[in-house]
Amino acid sequence: MPRKAITLPRHSGRMQKIIAKEKKKPLGWFYLSFAGKSGFLGGVIVEAHGVVTATRRASDLNINPGGEVMCCPIPEDKLHMVPEDLRNRLLSEREVRDRLEGRRVGE
């Protein structure tokens, strides 16, 4: 059975609890990959406390293209591999593949 994306209202009580819990964690860098029915919509690297705050940060920066999101933390010892000019902006598939050595699922 396919999984359905869950969208919570931006200011719901449940969302606020999730954000409060995430904010107890230290800041870190996260890679978000956005996809829609047509495929890859873009990638984003932002500093946040967790998945929800990373997605919110992308929206606040107006670099969230929508669709479903996959979020992965970037280990601190690997952050040096992420050029600063690729942070806090929407990345194309070519940038992710060429400059971040990104791979499609199954590659």
N, C-alpha and C. Protein backbone atom coordinates (compact mmCIF):
# COMPACT_ATOMS: atom_id res chain seq x y z
N MET A 1 0.84 -1.18 0.00
CA MET A 1 0.00 0.00 0.00
C MET A 1 0.89 1.25 0.00
N PRO A 2 0.70 2.18 -0.94
CA PRO A 2 1.53 3.39 -0.99
C PRO A 2 1.30 4.27 0.23
N ARG A 3 2.37 4.93 0.66
CA ARG A 3 2.27 5.85 1.79
C ARG A 3 1.73 7.18 1.31
N LYS A 4 0.89 7.80 2.12
CA LYS A 4 0.34 9.10 1.80
C LYS A 4 1.13 10.16 2.54
N ALA A 5 1.41 11.26 1.87
CA ALA A 5 2.06 12.38 2.53
C ALA A 5 1.05 13.03 3.46
N ILE A 6 1.51 13.39 4.64
CA ILE A 6 0.65 14.05 5.61
C ILE A 6 1.02 15.52 5.64
N THR A 7 0.04 16.37 5.45
CA THR A 7 0.26 17.80 5.51
C THR A 7 -0.46 18.34 6.72
N LEU A 8 0.31 18.93 7.63
CA LEU A 8 -0.29 19.53 8.81
C LEU A 8 -0.37 21.04 8.62
N PRO A 9 -1.44 21.66 9.12
CA PRO A 9 -1.51 23.12 9.04
C PRO A 9 -0.28 23.74 9.71
N ARG A 10 0.19 24.83 9.15
CA ARG A 10 1.42 25.47 9.62
C ARG A 10 1.37 25.80 11.12
N HIS A 11 0.22 26.14 11.64
CA HIS A 11 0.14 26.56 13.03
C HIS A 11 -0.67 25.60 13.90
N SER A 12 -0.78 24.34 13.49
CA SER A 12 -1.57 23.40 14.28
C SER A 12 -0.87 23.13 15.61
N GLY A 13 -1.65 22.76 16.60
CA GLY A 13 -1.09 22.43 17.91
C GLY A 13 -0.11 21.27 17.82
N ARG A 14 -0.43 20.28 17.01
CA ARG A 14 0.46 19.13 16.84
C ARG A 14 1.79 19.56 16.22
N MET A 15 1.72 20.41 15.21
CA MET A 15 2.93 20.89 14.56
C MET A 15 3.79 21.69 15.54
N GLN A 16 3.15 22.52 16.34
CA GLN A 16 3.90 23.32 17.31
C GLN A 16 4.62 22.43 18.33
N LYS A 17 4.01 21.33 18.71
CA LYS A 17 4.65 20.38 19.63
C LYS A 17 5.87 19.72 18.99
N ILE A 18 5.73 19.36 17.72
CA ILE A 18 6.84 18.74 16.99
C ILE A 18 8.00 19.72 16.89
N ILE A 19 7.70 20.98 16.55
CA ILE A 19 8.73 22.00 16.42
C ILE A 19 9.41 22.25 17.76
N ALA A 20 8.63 22.33 18.83
CA ALA A 20 9.21 22.56 20.16
C ALA A 20 10.16 21.42 20.54
N LYS A 21 9.77 20.20 20.21
CA LYS A 21 10.63 19.04 20.50
C LYS A 21 11.92 19.09 19.66
N GLU A 22 11.78 19.44 18.38
CA GLU A 22 12.96 19.53 17.51
C GLU A 22 13.92 20.62 17.99
N LYS A 23 13.38 21.74 18.45
CA LYS A 23 14.22 22.87 18.85
C LYS A 23 15.06 22.57 20.09
N LYS A 24 14.79 21.47 20.76
CA LYS A 24 15.62 21.04 21.89
C LYS A 24 16.92 20.41 21.39
N LYS A 25 16.94 20.04 20.11
CA LYS A 25 18.13 19.44 19.50
C LYS A 25 19.04 20.56 19.01
N PRO A 26 20.34 20.30 18.92
CA PRO A 26 21.24 21.33 18.40
C PRO A 26 21.01 21.58 16.91
N LEU A 27 21.40 22.77 16.45
CA LEU A 27 21.32 23.08 15.03
C LEU A 27 22.26 22.16 14.25
N GLY A 28 21.84 21.81 13.08
CA GLY A 28 22.66 21.00 12.18
C GLY A 28 22.24 21.32 10.75
N TRP A 29 22.95 20.77 9.79
CA TRP A 29 22.63 20.99 8.38
C TRP A 29 21.88 19.78 7.83
N PHE A 30 20.89 20.06 6.99
CA PHE A 30 20.04 19.02 6.42
C PHE A 30 19.93 19.19 4.91
N TYR A 31 19.90 18.05 4.22
CA TYR A 31 19.63 18.04 2.78
C TYR A 31 18.18 17.63 2.60
N LEU A 32 17.42 18.42 1.86
CA LEU A 32 16.03 18.11 1.54
C LEU A 32 15.93 17.90 0.04
N SER A 33 15.26 16.84 -0.35
CA SER A 33 15.03 16.54 -1.76
C SER A 33 13.52 16.58 -1.98
N PHE A 34 13.08 17.41 -2.91
CA PHE A 34 11.66 17.57 -3.20
C PHE A 34 11.31 16.88 -4.51
N ALA A 35 10.18 16.17 -4.51
CA ALA A 35 9.74 15.47 -5.71
C ALA A 35 8.23 15.58 -5.85
N GLY A 36 7.81 15.59 -7.09
CA GLY A 36 6.38 15.62 -7.41
C GLY A 36 6.08 14.54 -8.42
N LYS A 37 4.90 14.56 -8.97
CA LYS A 37 4.51 13.55 -9.96
C LYS A 37 5.43 13.56 -11.17
N SER A 38 5.98 14.73 -11.49
CA SER A 38 6.87 14.83 -12.65
C SER A 38 8.32 14.46 -12.33
N GLY A 39 8.60 14.16 -11.07
CA GLY A 39 9.96 13.77 -10.67
C GLY A 39 10.59 14.79 -9.74
N PHE A 40 11.91 14.89 -9.81
CA PHE A 40 12.71 15.76 -8.94
C PHE A 40 12.35 17.23 -9.17
N LEU A 41 12.06 17.93 -8.07
CA LEU A 41 11.71 19.35 -8.15
C LEU A 41 12.84 20.26 -7.68
N GLY A 42 13.78 19.70 -6.93
CA GLY A 42 14.90 20.49 -6.44
C GLY A 42 15.42 19.96 -5.13
N GLY A 43 16.62 20.40 -4.80
CA GLY A 43 17.24 20.05 -3.53
C GLY A 43 17.56 21.31 -2.76
N VAL A 44 17.67 21.19 -1.45
CA VAL A 44 17.93 22.32 -0.58
C VAL A 44 18.83 21.85 0.55
N ILE A 45 19.78 22.70 0.95
CA ILE A 45 20.62 22.42 2.12
C ILE A 45 20.43 23.59 3.07
N VAL A 46 19.86 23.31 4.24
CA VAL A 46 19.57 24.37 5.21
C VAL A 46 19.99 23.94 6.61
N GLU A 47 20.18 24.93 7.46
CA GLU A 47 20.50 24.68 8.86
C GLU A 47 19.20 24.69 9.65
N ALA A 48 19.02 23.67 10.50
CA ALA A 48 17.78 23.54 11.25
C ALA A 48 18.01 22.59 12.43
N HIS A 49 16.94 22.30 13.14
CA HIS A 49 17.00 21.40 14.29
C HIS A 49 16.53 19.99 13.95
N GLY A 50 15.80 19.84 12.84
CA GLY A 50 15.24 18.54 12.46
C GLY A 50 14.48 18.65 11.15
N VAL A 51 13.75 17.60 10.82
CA VAL A 51 13.05 17.51 9.55
C VAL A 51 12.01 18.63 9.39
N VAL A 52 11.19 18.83 10.38
CA VAL A 52 10.12 19.83 10.28
C VAL A 52 10.69 21.23 10.22
N THR A 53 11.66 21.54 11.09
CA THR A 53 12.24 22.88 11.07
C THR A 53 13.06 23.11 9.81
N ALA A 54 13.64 22.07 9.23
CA ALA A 54 14.37 22.21 7.96
C ALA A 54 13.39 22.54 6.83
N THR A 55 12.28 21.85 6.80
CA THR A 55 11.27 22.11 5.78
C THR A 55 10.69 23.51 5.95
N ARG A 56 10.45 23.89 7.18
CA ARG A 56 9.95 25.23 7.47
C ARG A 56 10.97 26.29 7.05
N ARG A 57 12.26 26.03 7.30
CA ARG A 57 13.33 26.98 6.92
C ARG A 57 13.35 27.16 5.40
N ALA A 58 13.22 26.07 4.66
CA ALA A 58 13.19 26.16 3.20
C ALA A 58 12.00 27.02 2.76
N SER A 59 10.87 26.85 3.39
CA SER A 59 9.68 27.66 3.05
C SER A 59 9.91 29.12 3.39
N ASP A 60 10.50 29.38 4.57
CA ASP A 60 10.76 30.76 4.98
C ASP A 60 11.72 31.47 4.01
N LEU A 61 12.65 30.71 3.42
CA LEU A 61 13.60 31.27 2.45
C LEU A 61 13.03 31.31 1.02
N ASN A 62 11.78 30.87 0.87
CA ASN A 62 11.12 30.80 -0.44
C ASN A 62 11.88 29.92 -1.43
N ILE A 63 12.42 28.80 -0.92
CA ILE A 63 13.13 27.86 -1.78
C ILE A 63 12.53 26.46 -1.69
N ASN A 64 11.31 26.36 -1.19
CA ASN A 64 10.59 25.09 -1.11
C ASN A 64 9.70 25.00 -2.35
N PRO A 65 10.04 24.10 -3.29
CA PRO A 65 9.25 24.00 -4.52
C PRO A 65 7.96 23.21 -4.37
N GLY A 66 7.72 22.67 -3.18
CA GLY A 66 6.52 21.87 -2.96
C GLY A 66 6.75 20.40 -3.24
N GLY A 67 5.69 19.65 -3.27
CA GLY A 67 5.79 18.21 -3.48
C GLY A 67 6.12 17.48 -2.19
N GLU A 68 6.50 16.23 -2.34
CA GLU A 68 6.90 15.43 -1.19
C GLU A 68 8.36 15.70 -0.90
N VAL A 69 8.73 15.58 0.36
CA VAL A 69 10.10 15.90 0.76
C VAL A 69 10.75 14.71 1.46
N MET A 70 12.01 14.50 1.14
CA MET A 70 12.84 13.54 1.87
C MET A 70 13.94 14.38 2.52
N CYS A 71 14.20 14.15 3.78
CA CYS A 71 15.17 14.97 4.52
C CYS A 71 16.22 14.08 5.16
N CYS A 72 17.49 14.46 4.99
CA CYS A 72 18.60 13.71 5.57
C CYS A 72 19.55 14.66 6.28
N PRO A 73 19.94 14.34 7.52
CA PRO A 73 20.95 15.18 8.18
C PRO A 73 22.30 15.01 7.50
N ILE A 74 23.07 16.07 7.48
CA ILE A 74 24.43 16.02 6.95
C ILE A 74 25.37 15.92 8.15
N PRO A 75 26.10 14.81 8.28
CA PRO A 75 27.00 14.66 9.43
C PRO A 75 28.02 15.80 9.47
N GLU A 76 28.31 16.27 10.66
CA GLU A 76 29.23 17.40 10.82
C GLU A 76 30.58 17.15 10.15
N ASP A 77 31.06 15.90 10.20
CA ASP A 77 32.35 15.60 9.59
C ASP A 77 32.30 15.55 8.06
N LYS A 78 31.11 15.64 7.48
CA LYS A 78 30.95 15.66 6.02
C LYS A 78 30.57 17.05 5.49
N LEU A 79 30.26 17.98 6.39
CA LEU A 79 29.79 19.29 5.97
C LEU A 79 30.82 20.03 5.12
N HIS A 80 32.09 19.78 5.33
CA HIS A 80 33.14 20.43 4.54
C HIS A 80 33.02 20.09 3.05
N MET A 81 32.29 19.03 2.73
CA MET A 81 32.12 18.62 1.34
C MET A 81 30.99 19.39 0.64
N VAL A 82 30.27 20.21 1.41
CA VAL A 82 29.15 20.99 0.86
C VAL A 82 29.60 22.44 0.72
N PRO A 83 29.87 22.88 -0.52
CA PRO A 83 30.30 24.26 -0.72
C PRO A 83 29.25 25.25 -0.19
N GLU A 84 29.73 26.34 0.38
CA GLU A 84 28.82 27.33 0.96
C GLU A 84 27.86 27.92 -0.07
N ASP A 85 28.28 28.00 -1.33
CA ASP A 85 27.40 28.57 -2.35
C ASP A 85 26.22 27.66 -2.70
N LEU A 86 26.22 26.44 -2.17
CA LEU A 86 25.10 25.53 -2.41
C LEU A 86 24.11 25.50 -1.24
N ARG A 87 24.38 26.27 -0.22
CA ARG A 87 23.53 26.28 0.97
C ARG A 87 22.48 27.40 0.88
N ASN A 88 21.32 27.12 1.44
CA ASN A 88 20.24 28.11 1.55
C ASN A 88 19.72 28.62 0.21
N ARG A 89 19.70 27.73 -0.78
CA ARG A 89 19.09 28.06 -2.07
C ARG A 89 18.59 26.77 -2.72
N LEU A 90 17.70 26.91 -3.70
CA LEU A 90 17.17 25.76 -4.41
C LEU A 90 18.22 25.27 -5.41
N LEU A 91 18.50 23.98 -5.37
CA LEU A 91 19.51 23.37 -6.23
C LEU A 91 18.84 22.57 -7.35
N SER A 92 19.42 22.65 -8.51
CA SER A 92 18.93 21.86 -9.65
C SER A 92 19.43 20.42 -9.52
N GLU A 93 18.83 19.55 -10.30
CA GLU A 93 19.28 18.16 -10.31
C GLU A 93 20.74 18.07 -10.75
N ARG A 94 21.10 18.86 -11.73
CA ARG A 94 22.49 18.86 -12.23
C ARG A 94 23.47 19.26 -11.13
N GLU A 95 23.14 20.28 -10.34
CA GLU A 95 24.02 20.70 -9.24
C GLU A 95 24.16 19.59 -8.19
N VAL A 96 23.05 18.95 -7.87
CA VAL A 96 23.08 17.88 -6.88
C VAL A 96 23.94 16.72 -7.39
N ARG A 97 23.76 16.36 -8.66
CA ARG A 97 24.50 15.23 -9.23
C ARG A 97 25.98 15.56 -9.42
N ASP A 98 26.28 16.74 -9.97
CA ASP A 98 27.66 17.07 -10.31
C ASP A 98 28.48 17.58 -9.12
N ARG A 99 27.89 18.45 -8.32
CA ARG A 99 28.67 19.08 -7.26
C ARG A 99 28.55 18.39 -5.91
N LEU A 100 27.50 17.60 -5.74
CA LEU A 100 27.31 16.89 -4.47
C LEU A 100 27.36 15.37 -4.65
N GLU A 101 27.67 14.95 -5.86
CA GLU A 101 27.74 13.53 -6.18
C GLU A 101 26.46 12.79 -5.83
N GLY A 102 25.33 13.46 -6.08
CA GLY A 102 24.03 12.87 -5.79
C GLY A 102 23.70 11.74 -6.74
N ARG A 103 22.87 10.84 -6.29
CA ARG A 103 22.46 9.68 -7.07
C ARG A 103 20.94 9.55 -6.99
N ARG A 104 20.38 8.99 -8.05
CA ARG A 104 18.96 8.66 -8.03
C ARG A 104 18.79 7.38 -7.21
N VAL A 105 17.58 7.19 -6.69
CA VAL A 105 17.28 5.97 -5.95
C VAL A 105 17.56 4.79 -6.89
N GLY A 106 18.30 3.84 -6.41
CA GLY A 106 18.61 2.65 -7.20
C GLY A 106 19.92 2.73 -7.97
N GLU A 107 20.56 3.90 -8.00
CA GLU A 107 21.82 4.03 -8.71
C GLU A 107 22.99 3.58 -7.83
